[in-house]
């Protein structure tokens, strides 16, 4: 009887530790994903330092956005040591963060910095980001202290890399 109690206790401890581990890893994923409004996002779109920034606006429900994400991930990996920062700005709905966005990021093993963006004043921030932006996604801004360009299009890796090179030369 004593051995059975010890066995039950060990099984209980093992399962409770596993559940705590899953809960804490979920909390870590949530903590890494910031939700910003436009006033909070705007400084990231106008940094004046030595880096070149590639900012991509996308969502998990946008098929062309999802299709091009590997190009941004590859760019991030290849240029992370070359003073280039890739930031993926998700326009996913807040109510779907835990059911769609966070599992998507984990499943696709996204390494680039991801920010969840939520601001209801689209009429203002779309035009403020780029006066020629219709609001469609995917959309990308590439900029540094010397140059800035907005793209309302999908990218393949080679095209994205070639555009980035025009900022680095």
N, C-alpha and C. Protein backbone atom coordinates (compact mmCIF):
# COMPACT_ATOMS: atom_id res chain seq x y z
N UNK A 1 0.82 -1.19 0.00
CA UNK A 1 0.00 0.00 0.00
C UNK A 1 0.87 1.26 0.00
N UNK A 2 1.95 1.26 0.76
CA UNK A 2 2.86 2.39 0.85
C UNK A 2 3.48 2.68 -0.52
N UNK A 3 3.89 1.63 -1.24
CA UNK A 3 4.49 1.80 -2.57
C UNK A 3 3.48 2.37 -3.56
N UNK A 4 2.25 1.95 -3.44
CA UNK A 4 1.21 2.47 -4.32
C UNK A 4 0.99 3.96 -4.10
N UNK A 5 0.99 4.39 -2.85
CA UNK A 5 0.83 5.81 -2.55
C UNK A 5 2.00 6.62 -3.11
N UNK A 6 3.19 6.11 -2.98
CA UNK A 6 4.37 6.81 -3.51
C UNK A 6 4.29 6.89 -5.04
N UNK A 7 3.87 5.80 -5.67
CA UNK A 7 3.73 5.78 -7.11
C UNK A 7 2.68 6.81 -7.56
N UNK A 8 1.55 6.86 -6.90
CA UNK A 8 0.50 7.83 -7.22
C UNK A 8 1.02 9.25 -7.02
N UNK A 9 1.74 9.48 -5.94
CA UNK A 9 2.30 10.79 -5.66
C UNK A 9 3.30 11.21 -6.76
N UNK A 10 4.16 10.29 -7.19
CA UNK A 10 5.13 10.59 -8.24
C UNK A 10 4.45 10.91 -9.57
N UNK A 11 3.41 10.15 -9.90
CA UNK A 11 2.67 10.41 -11.13
C UNK A 11 2.01 11.78 -11.06
N UNK A 12 1.42 12.11 -9.92
CA UNK A 12 0.78 13.41 -9.73
C UNK A 12 1.79 14.55 -9.88
N UNK A 13 2.95 14.40 -9.28
CA UNK A 13 4.00 15.42 -9.37
C UNK A 13 4.47 15.58 -10.82
N UNK A 14 4.66 14.47 -11.50
CA UNK A 14 5.12 14.52 -12.89
C UNK A 14 4.13 15.27 -13.77
N UNK A 15 2.85 14.97 -13.64
CA UNK A 15 1.84 15.64 -14.45
C UNK A 15 1.68 17.10 -14.07
N UNK A 16 1.76 17.42 -12.80
CA UNK A 16 1.59 18.81 -12.41
C UNK A 16 2.78 19.65 -12.86
N UNK A 17 3.98 19.09 -12.86
CA UNK A 17 5.15 19.81 -13.37
C UNK A 17 5.01 20.03 -14.86
N UNK A 18 4.54 19.03 -15.57
CA UNK A 18 4.37 19.17 -17.01
C UNK A 18 3.35 20.26 -17.33
N UNK A 19 2.27 20.31 -16.59
CA UNK A 19 1.25 21.33 -16.82
C UNK A 19 1.79 22.72 -16.50
N UNK A 20 2.59 22.84 -15.44
CA UNK A 20 3.19 24.13 -15.12
C UNK A 20 4.15 24.57 -16.21
N UNK A 21 4.90 23.60 -16.77
CA UNK A 21 5.84 23.92 -17.84
C UNK A 21 5.09 24.44 -19.07
N UNK A 22 4.00 23.78 -19.43
CA UNK A 22 3.21 24.23 -20.57
C UNK A 22 2.62 25.60 -20.32
N UNK A 23 2.12 25.82 -19.13
CA UNK A 23 1.53 27.11 -18.80
C UNK A 23 2.58 28.20 -18.86
N UNK A 24 3.76 27.95 -18.31
CA UNK A 24 4.78 29.00 -18.31
C UNK A 24 5.31 29.27 -19.71
N UNK A 25 5.43 28.24 -20.56
CA UNK A 25 5.89 28.50 -21.93
C UNK A 25 4.83 29.29 -22.69
N UNK A 26 3.55 29.05 -22.40
CA UNK A 26 2.49 29.82 -23.03
C UNK A 26 2.56 31.28 -22.56
N UNK A 27 2.83 31.49 -21.27
CA UNK A 27 2.97 32.85 -20.75
C UNK A 27 4.15 33.57 -21.39
N UNK A 28 5.23 32.84 -21.63
CA UNK A 28 6.40 33.43 -22.28
C UNK A 28 6.05 33.86 -23.68
N UNK A 29 5.33 33.01 -24.44
CA UNK A 29 4.92 33.37 -25.79
C UNK A 29 4.06 34.63 -25.78
N UNK A 30 3.13 34.70 -24.84
CA UNK A 30 2.27 35.88 -24.74
C UNK A 30 3.09 37.13 -24.42
N UNK A 31 4.05 36.97 -23.52
CA UNK A 31 4.86 38.11 -23.10
C UNK A 31 5.69 38.65 -24.25
N UNK A 32 6.13 37.78 -25.16
CA UNK A 32 6.94 38.22 -26.29
C UNK A 32 6.12 38.98 -27.32
N UNK A 33 4.82 38.79 -27.33
CA UNK A 33 3.97 39.39 -28.33
C UNK A 33 3.31 40.64 -27.76
N UNK A 34 3.83 41.79 -28.14
CA UNK A 34 3.28 43.06 -27.68
C UNK A 34 2.13 43.48 -28.59
N UNK A 35 1.10 44.07 -28.01
CA UNK A 35 0.05 44.71 -28.79
C UNK A 35 0.23 46.21 -28.66
N UNK A 36 0.38 46.86 -29.80
CA UNK A 36 0.62 48.30 -29.82
C UNK A 36 -0.49 49.01 -30.59
N UNK A 37 -0.77 50.24 -30.17
CA UNK A 37 -1.63 51.10 -30.97
C UNK A 37 -0.72 51.94 -31.87
N UNK A 38 -1.30 52.82 -32.68
CA UNK A 38 -0.47 53.55 -33.63
C UNK A 38 0.54 54.48 -32.96
N UNK A 39 0.13 55.15 -31.91
CA UNK A 39 1.07 56.05 -31.23
C UNK A 39 2.28 55.27 -30.69
N UNK A 40 2.06 54.03 -30.29
CA UNK A 40 3.17 53.21 -29.79
C UNK A 40 3.99 52.62 -30.93
N UNK A 41 3.34 52.34 -32.06
CA UNK A 41 4.04 51.75 -33.21
C UNK A 41 4.84 52.80 -33.98
N UNK A 42 4.34 54.00 -34.05
CA UNK A 42 4.93 55.05 -34.89
C UNK A 42 6.44 55.25 -34.68
N UNK A 43 6.94 55.26 -33.45
CA UNK A 43 8.40 55.42 -33.29
C UNK A 43 9.22 54.32 -33.98
N UNK A 44 8.66 53.10 -34.09
CA UNK A 44 9.37 52.02 -34.77
C UNK A 44 9.43 52.24 -36.28
N UNK A 45 8.55 53.08 -36.78
CA UNK A 45 8.49 53.34 -38.21
C UNK A 45 9.35 54.53 -38.62
N UNK A 46 9.99 55.18 -37.62
CA UNK A 46 10.75 56.41 -37.90
C UNK A 46 12.04 56.48 -37.09
N UNK A 47 12.72 55.38 -36.93
CA UNK A 47 13.98 55.41 -36.19
C UNK A 47 15.07 56.06 -37.05
N UNK A 48 15.93 56.79 -36.40
CA UNK A 48 17.02 57.46 -37.11
C UNK A 48 18.34 57.00 -36.50
N UNK A 49 18.72 55.80 -36.88
CA UNK A 49 19.97 55.23 -36.38
C UNK A 49 20.71 54.58 -37.54
N UNK A 50 21.63 53.71 -37.24
CA UNK A 50 22.47 53.10 -38.28
C UNK A 50 21.85 51.88 -38.94
N UNK A 51 20.69 51.44 -38.45
CA UNK A 51 20.06 50.23 -38.98
C UNK A 51 19.19 50.53 -40.19
N UNK A 52 18.94 49.46 -40.95
CA UNK A 52 17.93 49.47 -41.99
C UNK A 52 16.80 48.59 -41.49
N UNK A 53 15.58 49.10 -41.58
CA UNK A 53 14.41 48.40 -41.06
C UNK A 53 13.53 47.90 -42.20
N UNK A 54 13.07 46.68 -42.05
CA UNK A 54 12.11 46.08 -42.98
C UNK A 54 10.87 45.78 -42.15
N UNK A 55 9.82 46.56 -42.36
CA UNK A 55 8.59 46.44 -41.58
C UNK A 55 7.50 45.88 -42.50
N UNK A 56 6.99 44.71 -42.16
CA UNK A 56 5.97 44.07 -42.98
C UNK A 56 4.64 44.02 -42.24
N UNK A 57 3.58 44.54 -42.86
CA UNK A 57 2.23 44.48 -42.31
C UNK A 57 1.54 43.26 -42.92
N UNK A 58 1.00 42.41 -42.08
CA UNK A 58 0.47 41.12 -42.53
C UNK A 58 -0.59 40.62 -41.55
N UNK A 59 -1.19 39.48 -41.87
CA UNK A 59 -2.13 38.81 -40.96
C UNK A 59 -2.20 37.33 -41.32
N UNK A 60 -2.54 36.51 -40.36
CA UNK A 60 -2.62 35.07 -40.61
C UNK A 60 -3.77 34.73 -41.56
N UNK A 61 -4.78 35.57 -41.65
CA UNK A 61 -5.93 35.32 -42.52
C UNK A 61 -5.69 35.80 -43.95
N UNK A 62 -4.54 36.39 -44.22
CA UNK A 62 -4.20 36.92 -45.55
C UNK A 62 -3.26 35.92 -46.24
N UNK A 63 -3.79 35.19 -47.22
CA UNK A 63 -3.00 34.16 -47.90
C UNK A 63 -1.72 34.69 -48.54
N UNK A 64 -1.76 35.82 -49.29
CA UNK A 64 -0.50 36.33 -49.85
C UNK A 64 0.52 36.71 -48.77
N UNK A 65 0.01 37.17 -47.62
CA UNK A 65 0.90 37.52 -46.50
C UNK A 65 1.62 36.28 -45.98
N UNK A 66 0.85 35.24 -45.76
CA UNK A 66 1.41 34.00 -45.23
C UNK A 66 2.40 33.39 -46.22
N UNK A 67 2.05 33.49 -47.50
CA UNK A 67 2.91 32.94 -48.55
C UNK A 67 4.28 33.63 -48.60
N UNK A 68 4.31 34.93 -48.31
CA UNK A 68 5.58 35.66 -48.40
C UNK A 68 6.40 35.64 -47.11
N UNK A 69 5.82 35.20 -46.00
CA UNK A 69 6.55 35.21 -44.73
C UNK A 69 7.90 34.49 -44.77
N UNK A 70 8.02 33.35 -45.45
CA UNK A 70 9.35 32.72 -45.52
C UNK A 70 10.42 33.63 -46.12
N UNK A 71 10.05 34.51 -47.04
CA UNK A 71 11.02 35.44 -47.62
C UNK A 71 11.53 36.41 -46.55
N UNK A 72 10.64 36.89 -45.69
CA UNK A 72 11.05 37.79 -44.61
C UNK A 72 11.87 37.06 -43.56
N UNK A 73 11.50 35.83 -43.28
CA UNK A 73 12.27 35.03 -42.32
C UNK A 73 13.69 34.76 -42.84
N UNK A 74 13.79 34.44 -44.11
CA UNK A 74 15.10 34.20 -44.71
C UNK A 74 15.93 35.48 -44.70
N UNK A 75 15.30 36.59 -45.03
CA UNK A 75 15.99 37.89 -45.01
C UNK A 75 16.48 38.21 -43.60
N UNK A 76 15.63 37.98 -42.63
CA UNK A 76 16.00 38.21 -41.23
C UNK A 76 17.22 37.38 -40.85
N UNK A 77 17.21 36.12 -41.23
CA UNK A 77 18.32 35.24 -40.89
C UNK A 77 19.62 35.66 -41.59
N UNK A 78 19.53 35.98 -42.86
CA UNK A 78 20.73 36.34 -43.64
C UNK A 78 21.32 37.69 -43.27
N UNK A 79 20.48 38.63 -42.84
CA UNK A 79 20.94 40.00 -42.62
C UNK A 79 20.95 40.44 -41.16
N UNK A 80 20.67 39.55 -40.25
CA UNK A 80 20.59 39.96 -38.85
C UNK A 80 21.92 40.50 -38.32
N UNK A 81 23.04 40.06 -38.88
CA UNK A 81 24.35 40.55 -38.45
C UNK A 81 24.86 41.67 -39.35
N UNK A 82 23.98 42.20 -40.21
CA UNK A 82 24.38 43.26 -41.14
C UNK A 82 23.60 44.54 -40.90
N UNK A 83 23.21 44.74 -39.65
CA UNK A 83 22.52 45.97 -39.24
C UNK A 83 21.15 46.15 -39.91
N UNK A 84 20.46 45.03 -40.10
CA UNK A 84 19.12 45.03 -40.67
C UNK A 84 18.19 44.39 -39.66
N UNK A 85 17.04 45.02 -39.44
CA UNK A 85 16.06 44.46 -38.51
C UNK A 85 14.73 44.27 -39.24
N UNK A 86 14.22 43.04 -39.19
CA UNK A 86 12.92 42.71 -39.77
C UNK A 86 11.89 42.71 -38.64
N UNK A 87 10.80 43.44 -38.86
CA UNK A 87 9.71 43.49 -37.88
C UNK A 87 8.42 43.15 -38.60
N UNK A 88 7.74 42.14 -38.12
CA UNK A 88 6.46 41.70 -38.69
C UNK A 88 5.34 42.28 -37.85
N UNK A 89 4.52 43.12 -38.45
CA UNK A 89 3.43 43.78 -37.74
C UNK A 89 2.13 43.06 -38.11
N UNK A 90 1.63 42.29 -37.16
CA UNK A 90 0.42 41.51 -37.39
C UNK A 90 -0.83 42.36 -37.20
N UNK A 91 -1.74 42.27 -38.16
CA UNK A 91 -3.02 42.96 -38.08
C UNK A 91 -4.14 41.98 -37.70
N UNK A 92 -3.76 40.85 -37.13
CA UNK A 92 -4.76 39.87 -36.69
C UNK A 92 -5.66 40.48 -35.62
N UNK A 93 -6.88 39.97 -35.56
CA UNK A 93 -7.86 40.45 -34.58
C UNK A 93 -7.44 40.03 -33.17
N UNK A 94 -7.60 40.92 -32.22
CA UNK A 94 -7.20 40.64 -30.83
C UNK A 94 -7.86 39.39 -30.27
N UNK A 95 -9.11 39.18 -30.63
CA UNK A 95 -9.82 38.02 -30.08
C UNK A 95 -9.26 36.70 -30.60
N UNK A 96 -8.38 36.76 -31.62
CA UNK A 96 -7.82 35.56 -32.20
C UNK A 96 -6.32 35.38 -31.91
N UNK A 97 -5.80 36.14 -30.97
CA UNK A 97 -4.37 36.02 -30.66
C UNK A 97 -4.02 34.61 -30.19
N UNK A 98 -4.76 34.13 -29.21
CA UNK A 98 -4.44 32.81 -28.64
C UNK A 98 -4.86 31.66 -29.53
N UNK A 99 -5.91 31.85 -30.32
CA UNK A 99 -6.39 30.75 -31.16
C UNK A 99 -5.72 30.71 -32.52
N UNK A 100 -5.29 31.85 -33.05
CA UNK A 100 -4.69 31.88 -34.39
C UNK A 100 -3.23 32.34 -34.40
N UNK A 101 -3.00 33.56 -33.94
CA UNK A 101 -1.68 34.17 -34.13
C UNK A 101 -0.57 33.45 -33.36
N UNK A 102 -0.74 33.27 -32.08
CA UNK A 102 0.33 32.65 -31.28
C UNK A 102 0.62 31.22 -31.76
N UNK A 103 -0.42 30.38 -31.99
CA UNK A 103 -0.13 29.04 -32.53
C UNK A 103 0.53 29.10 -33.91
N UNK A 104 0.12 30.04 -34.75
CA UNK A 104 0.72 30.20 -36.08
C UNK A 104 2.21 30.50 -35.96
N UNK A 105 2.56 31.45 -35.11
CA UNK A 105 3.96 31.84 -34.94
C UNK A 105 4.80 30.68 -34.44
N UNK A 106 4.22 29.92 -33.51
CA UNK A 106 4.93 28.76 -32.96
C UNK A 106 5.06 27.66 -34.02
N UNK A 107 3.98 27.38 -34.72
CA UNK A 107 3.97 26.32 -35.72
C UNK A 107 4.93 26.62 -36.87
N UNK A 108 5.00 27.87 -37.28
CA UNK A 108 5.88 28.28 -38.39
C UNK A 108 7.29 28.62 -37.92
N UNK A 109 7.50 28.55 -36.60
CA UNK A 109 8.81 28.84 -36.01
C UNK A 109 9.35 30.21 -36.46
N UNK A 110 8.50 31.22 -36.33
CA UNK A 110 8.86 32.58 -36.75
C UNK A 110 9.91 33.14 -35.78
N UNK A 111 11.02 33.57 -36.32
CA UNK A 111 12.13 34.10 -35.52
C UNK A 111 12.20 35.62 -35.54
N UNK A 112 11.63 36.23 -36.56
CA UNK A 112 11.64 37.69 -36.65
C UNK A 112 10.82 38.28 -35.50
N UNK A 113 11.09 39.53 -35.19
CA UNK A 113 10.31 40.22 -34.17
C UNK A 113 8.89 40.40 -34.70
N UNK A 114 7.90 40.04 -33.87
CA UNK A 114 6.50 40.18 -34.25
C UNK A 114 5.81 41.11 -33.26
N UNK A 115 5.06 42.04 -33.81
CA UNK A 115 4.26 42.96 -33.00
C UNK A 115 2.82 42.83 -33.45
N UNK A 116 1.93 42.72 -32.49
CA UNK A 116 0.51 42.74 -32.83
C UNK A 116 0.06 44.20 -32.79
N UNK A 117 -0.57 44.63 -33.87
CA UNK A 117 -0.99 46.02 -34.00
C UNK A 117 -2.51 46.10 -33.96
N UNK A 118 -3.01 47.01 -33.14
CA UNK A 118 -4.45 47.21 -33.06
C UNK A 118 -4.74 48.68 -32.83
N UNK A 119 -5.40 49.27 -33.81
CA UNK A 119 -5.81 50.66 -33.68
C UNK A 119 -7.01 50.86 -34.59
N UNK A 120 -8.09 51.29 -34.03
CA UNK A 120 -9.35 51.39 -34.77
C UNK A 120 -9.41 52.60 -35.71
N UNK A 121 -8.48 53.51 -35.62
CA UNK A 121 -8.51 54.74 -36.42
C UNK A 121 -7.77 54.55 -37.75
N UNK A 122 -8.23 53.56 -38.54
CA UNK A 122 -7.54 53.23 -39.81
C UNK A 122 -7.44 54.43 -40.74
N UNK A 123 -8.47 55.27 -40.76
CA UNK A 123 -8.46 56.42 -41.66
C UNK A 123 -7.25 57.31 -41.42
N UNK A 124 -6.78 57.36 -40.20
CA UNK A 124 -5.62 58.19 -39.87
C UNK A 124 -4.31 57.44 -40.12
N UNK A 125 -4.14 56.28 -39.47
CA UNK A 125 -2.81 55.66 -39.51
C UNK A 125 -2.42 55.10 -40.86
N UNK A 126 -3.37 54.65 -41.67
CA UNK A 126 -3.01 54.15 -43.00
C UNK A 126 -2.38 55.29 -43.81
N UNK A 127 -3.03 56.44 -43.84
CA UNK A 127 -2.51 57.58 -44.59
C UNK A 127 -1.23 58.14 -43.97
N UNK A 128 -1.12 58.05 -42.65
CA UNK A 128 0.08 58.55 -41.98
C UNK A 128 1.29 57.67 -42.27
N UNK A 129 1.08 56.38 -42.40
CA UNK A 129 2.18 55.46 -42.71
C UNK A 129 2.66 55.68 -44.13
N UNK A 130 1.71 55.75 -45.07
CA UNK A 130 2.07 56.00 -46.47
C UNK A 130 0.86 56.61 -47.17
N UNK A 131 1.03 57.79 -47.72
CA UNK A 131 -0.11 58.47 -48.33
C UNK A 131 -0.64 57.74 -49.56
N UNK A 132 0.13 56.82 -50.12
CA UNK A 132 -0.33 56.05 -51.28
C UNK A 132 -0.81 54.64 -50.90
N UNK A 133 -0.98 54.37 -49.60
CA UNK A 133 -1.40 53.05 -49.14
C UNK A 133 -2.93 52.99 -49.14
N UNK A 134 -3.48 52.00 -49.84
CA UNK A 134 -4.93 51.81 -49.87
C UNK A 134 -5.43 51.12 -48.60
N UNK A 135 -4.51 50.52 -47.85
CA UNK A 135 -4.89 49.77 -46.66
C UNK A 135 -4.80 48.27 -46.87
N UNK A 136 -4.53 47.84 -48.11
CA UNK A 136 -4.40 46.41 -48.41
C UNK A 136 -3.11 45.86 -47.83
N UNK A 137 -3.16 44.59 -47.49
CA UNK A 137 -1.95 43.88 -47.06
C UNK A 137 -1.76 42.68 -47.98
N UNK A 138 -0.54 42.23 -48.14
CA UNK A 138 0.67 42.65 -47.44
C UNK A 138 1.16 44.02 -47.92
N UNK A 139 1.83 44.67 -46.99
CA UNK A 139 2.45 45.97 -47.27
C UNK A 139 3.76 46.02 -46.49
N UNK A 140 4.74 46.67 -47.05
CA UNK A 140 6.07 46.68 -46.44
C UNK A 140 6.69 48.07 -46.55
N UNK A 141 7.39 48.44 -45.50
CA UNK A 141 8.21 49.65 -45.52
C UNK A 141 9.65 49.20 -45.32
N UNK A 142 10.53 49.71 -46.15
CA UNK A 142 11.97 49.53 -45.93
C UNK A 142 12.52 50.94 -45.77
N UNK A 143 13.28 51.14 -44.69
CA UNK A 143 13.83 52.48 -44.49
C UNK A 143 15.11 52.42 -43.66
N UNK A 144 15.87 53.48 -43.80
CA UNK A 144 17.01 53.77 -42.93
C UNK A 144 17.11 55.29 -42.82
N UNK A 145 18.18 55.79 -42.27
CA UNK A 145 18.29 57.24 -42.05
C UNK A 145 18.40 58.03 -43.35
N UNK A 146 18.71 57.36 -44.46
CA UNK A 146 18.91 58.05 -45.73
C UNK A 146 17.79 57.86 -46.74
N UNK A 147 17.01 56.81 -46.58
CA UNK A 147 16.06 56.45 -47.62
C UNK A 147 14.85 55.75 -47.01
N UNK A 148 13.69 55.90 -47.67
CA UNK A 148 12.46 55.25 -47.21
C UNK A 148 11.62 54.90 -48.44
N UNK A 149 11.05 53.68 -48.43
CA UNK A 149 10.20 53.28 -49.55
C UNK A 149 9.08 52.38 -49.03
N UNK A 150 7.88 52.59 -49.57
CA UNK A 150 6.70 51.82 -49.19
C UNK A 150 6.30 50.93 -50.37
N UNK A 151 5.92 49.69 -50.05
CA UNK A 151 5.53 48.72 -51.07
C UNK A 151 4.18 48.10 -50.68
N UNK A 152 3.20 48.24 -51.54
CA UNK A 152 1.91 47.58 -51.32
C UNK A 152 1.86 46.41 -52.30
N UNK A 153 2.55 45.34 -51.93
CA UNK A 153 2.71 44.18 -52.81
C UNK A 153 3.21 42.99 -52.01
N UNK A 154 3.16 41.83 -52.65
CA UNK A 154 3.78 40.63 -52.10
C UNK A 154 5.23 40.57 -52.59
N UNK A 155 6.05 39.87 -51.83
CA UNK A 155 7.44 39.70 -52.20
C UNK A 155 7.83 38.23 -52.30
N UNK A 156 8.69 37.95 -53.27
CA UNK A 156 9.45 36.70 -53.30
C UNK A 156 10.81 37.07 -52.73
N UNK A 157 11.55 36.08 -52.25
CA UNK A 157 12.80 36.38 -51.56
C UNK A 157 13.76 37.22 -52.41
N UNK A 158 13.99 36.84 -53.65
CA UNK A 158 14.97 37.54 -54.48
C UNK A 158 14.60 39.01 -54.69
N UNK A 159 13.31 39.27 -54.91
CA UNK A 159 12.86 40.66 -55.09
C UNK A 159 13.04 41.45 -53.81
N UNK A 160 12.69 40.85 -52.69
CA UNK A 160 12.85 41.51 -51.39
C UNK A 160 14.33 41.79 -51.11
N UNK A 161 15.17 40.82 -51.35
CA UNK A 161 16.61 40.99 -51.14
C UNK A 161 17.17 42.09 -52.04
N UNK A 162 16.73 42.11 -53.30
CA UNK A 162 17.21 43.15 -54.23
C UNK A 162 16.77 44.54 -53.77
N UNK A 163 15.54 44.66 -53.28
CA UNK A 163 15.08 45.95 -52.77
C UNK A 163 15.91 46.37 -51.55
N UNK A 164 16.14 45.44 -50.65
CA UNK A 164 16.95 45.75 -49.47
C UNK A 164 18.35 46.21 -49.88
N UNK A 165 18.93 45.59 -50.87
CA UNK A 165 20.28 45.94 -51.32
C UNK A 165 20.35 47.40 -51.75
N UNK A 166 19.28 47.95 -52.29
CA UNK A 166 19.31 49.36 -52.71
C UNK A 166 19.44 50.30 -51.51
N UNK A 167 19.12 49.80 -50.32
CA UNK A 167 19.25 50.59 -49.09
C UNK A 167 20.64 50.42 -48.46
N UNK A 168 21.30 49.34 -48.79
CA UNK A 168 22.57 49.02 -48.15
C UNK A 168 23.77 49.49 -48.96
N UNK A 169 23.58 49.83 -50.22
CA UNK A 169 24.70 50.25 -51.07
C UNK A 169 24.99 51.72 -50.94
